[in-house]
């Protein structure tokens, strides 16, 4: 155990790390869903402003997915 860390403190630290990993894993799934929907909008949407926004979503959330995957390593 780390110096000065009580058993309860160690357990809380482990729980925090696991929660952080779970959060990142769920956010990746969430962003992947948004990217998939945005790609559909880009391919077949009739409203140009929505297609432009969809392109921004694909690019921005794809970058965030890459960052979150790096954090999970």
C-alpha atoms as a PDB file:
ATOM      1  CA  UNK A   1       0.000   0.000   0.000  1.00  0.00           C
ATOM      2  CA  UNK A   2       1.240   3.500  -0.723  1.00  0.00           C
ATOM      3  CA  UNK A   3       2.861   5.249   2.193  1.00  0.00           C
ATOM      4  CA  UNK A   4       0.335   7.099   4.327  1.00  0.00           C
ATOM      5  CA  UNK A   5      -2.623   5.509   2.555  1.00  0.00           C
ATOM      6  CA  UNK A   6      -5.052   3.651   4.801  1.00  0.00           C
ATOM      7  CA  UNK A   7      -6.715   0.448   3.578  1.00  0.00           C
ATOM      8  CA  UNK A   8      -9.973   2.369   3.113  1.00  0.00           C
ATOM      9  CA  UNK A   9      -8.127   5.122   1.245  1.00  0.00           C
ATOM     10  CA  UNK A  10      -6.563   2.487  -0.994  1.00  0.00           C
ATOM     11  CA  UNK A  11      -9.966   0.976  -1.697  1.00  0.00           C
ATOM     12  CA  UNK A  12     -11.395   4.391  -2.547  1.00  0.00           C
ATOM     13  CA  UNK A  13      -8.468   5.045  -4.886  1.00  0.00           C
ATOM     14  CA  UNK A  14      -9.035   1.727  -6.676  1.00  0.00           C
ATOM     15  CA  UNK A  15     -12.764   2.488  -6.950  1.00  0.00           C
ATOM     16  CA  UNK A  16     -12.020   5.922  -8.419  1.00  0.00           C
ATOM     17  CA  UNK A  17      -9.686   4.429 -11.029  1.00  0.00           C
ATOM     18  CA  UNK A  18     -12.248   1.774 -11.975  1.00  0.00           C
ATOM     19  CA  UNK A  19     -15.010   4.375 -12.201  1.00  0.00           C
ATOM     20  CA  UNK A  20     -12.837   6.537 -14.419  1.00  0.00           C
ATOM     21  CA  UNK A  21     -12.139   3.596 -16.735  1.00  0.00           C
ATOM     22  CA  UNK A  22     -15.852   2.716 -16.855  1.00  0.00           C
ATOM     23  CA  UNK A  23     -16.703   6.344 -17.643  1.00  0.00           C
ATOM     24  CA  UNK A  24     -14.222   6.451 -20.520  1.00  0.00           C
ATOM     25  CA  UNK A  25     -15.435   3.119 -21.884  1.00  0.00           C
ATOM     26  CA  UNK A  26     -19.064   4.260 -21.858  1.00  0.00           C
ATOM     27  CA  UNK A  27     -18.206   7.650 -23.347  1.00  0.00           C
ATOM     28  CA  UNK A  28     -16.351   5.959 -26.217  1.00  0.00           C
ATOM     29  CA  UNK A  29     -19.477   3.933 -26.994  1.00  0.00           C
ATOM     30  CA  UNK A  30     -21.617   7.068 -26.773  1.00  0.00           C
ATOM     31  CA  UNK A  31     -19.322   9.008 -29.116  1.00  0.00           C
ATOM     32  CA  UNK A  32     -19.148   6.091 -31.567  1.00  0.00           C
ATOM     33  CA  UNK A  33     -22.955   6.173 -31.784  1.00  0.00           C
ATOM     34  CA  UNK A  34     -22.902   9.914 -32.431  1.00  0.00           C
ATOM     35  CA  UNK A  35     -20.246   9.492 -35.141  1.00  0.00           C
ATOM     36  CA  UNK A  36     -22.296   6.769 -36.849  1.00  0.00           C
ATOM     37  CA  UNK A  37     -25.426   8.943 -36.852  1.00  0.00           C
ATOM     38  CA  UNK A  38     -23.499  11.971 -38.074  1.00  0.00           C
ATOM     39  CA  UNK A  39     -22.031   9.941 -40.957  1.00  0.00           C
ATOM     40  CA  UNK A  40     -25.563   8.965 -41.982  1.00  0.00           C
ATOM     41  CA  UNK A  41     -26.612  12.609 -41.896  1.00  0.00           C
ATOM     42  CA  UNK A  42     -23.617  13.643 -43.987  1.00  0.00           C
ATOM     43  CA  UNK A  43     -24.410  10.957 -46.561  1.00  0.00           C
ATOM     44  CA  UNK A  44     -28.128  11.505 -46.914  1.00  0.00           C
ATOM     45  CA  UNK A  45     -29.236  14.641 -45.119  1.00  0.00           C
ATOM     46  CA  UNK A  46     -31.240  17.232 -47.047  1.00  0.00           C
ATOM     47  CA  UNK A  47     -30.463  20.210 -44.805  1.00  0.00           C
ATOM     48  CA  UNK A  48     -27.024  21.686 -45.540  1.00  0.00           C
ATOM     49  CA  UNK A  49     -26.473  23.256 -42.089  1.00  0.00           C
ATOM     50  CA  UNK A  50     -27.188  19.872 -40.466  1.00  0.00           C
ATOM     51  CA  UNK A  51     -24.740  18.156 -42.839  1.00  0.00           C
ATOM     52  CA  UNK A  52     -22.044  20.711 -41.922  1.00  0.00           C
ATOM     53  CA  UNK A  53     -22.731  20.176 -38.233  1.00  0.00           C
ATOM     54  CA  UNK A  54     -22.551  16.412 -38.789  1.00  0.00           C
ATOM     55  CA  UNK A  55     -19.107  16.821 -40.371  1.00  0.00           C
ATOM     56  CA  UNK A  56     -17.955  18.753 -37.288  1.00  0.00           C
ATOM     57  CA  UNK A  57     -19.332  16.018 -35.041  1.00  0.00           C
ATOM     58  CA  UNK A  58     -17.502  13.286 -36.968  1.00  0.00           C
ATOM     59  CA  UNK A  59     -14.216  15.129 -36.760  1.00  0.00           C
ATOM     60  CA  UNK A  60     -14.507  16.371 -33.172  1.00  0.00           C
ATOM     61  CA  UNK A  61     -15.867  13.227 -31.592  1.00  0.00           C
ATOM     62  CA  UNK A  62     -13.477  10.983 -33.522  1.00  0.00           C
ATOM     63  CA  UNK A  63     -10.614  12.984 -32.025  1.00  0.00           C
ATOM     64  CA  UNK A  64     -12.168  12.653 -28.557  1.00  0.00           C
ATOM     65  CA  UNK A  65     -12.518   8.875 -29.043  1.00  0.00           C
ATOM     66  CA  UNK A  66      -8.805   8.661 -29.881  1.00  0.00           C
ATOM     67  CA  UNK A  67      -7.937  10.668 -26.762  1.00  0.00           C
ATOM     68  CA  UNK A  68     -10.109   8.513 -24.516  1.00  0.00           C
ATOM     69  CA  UNK A  69      -8.592   5.327 -25.947  1.00  0.00           C
ATOM     70  CA  UNK A  70      -5.118   6.682 -25.196  1.00  0.00           C
ATOM     71  CA  UNK A  71      -6.203   7.414 -21.613  1.00  0.00           C
ATOM     72  CA  UNK A  72      -7.339   3.818 -21.204  1.00  0.00           C
ATOM     73  CA  UNK A  73      -3.906   2.418 -22.122  1.00  0.00           C
END
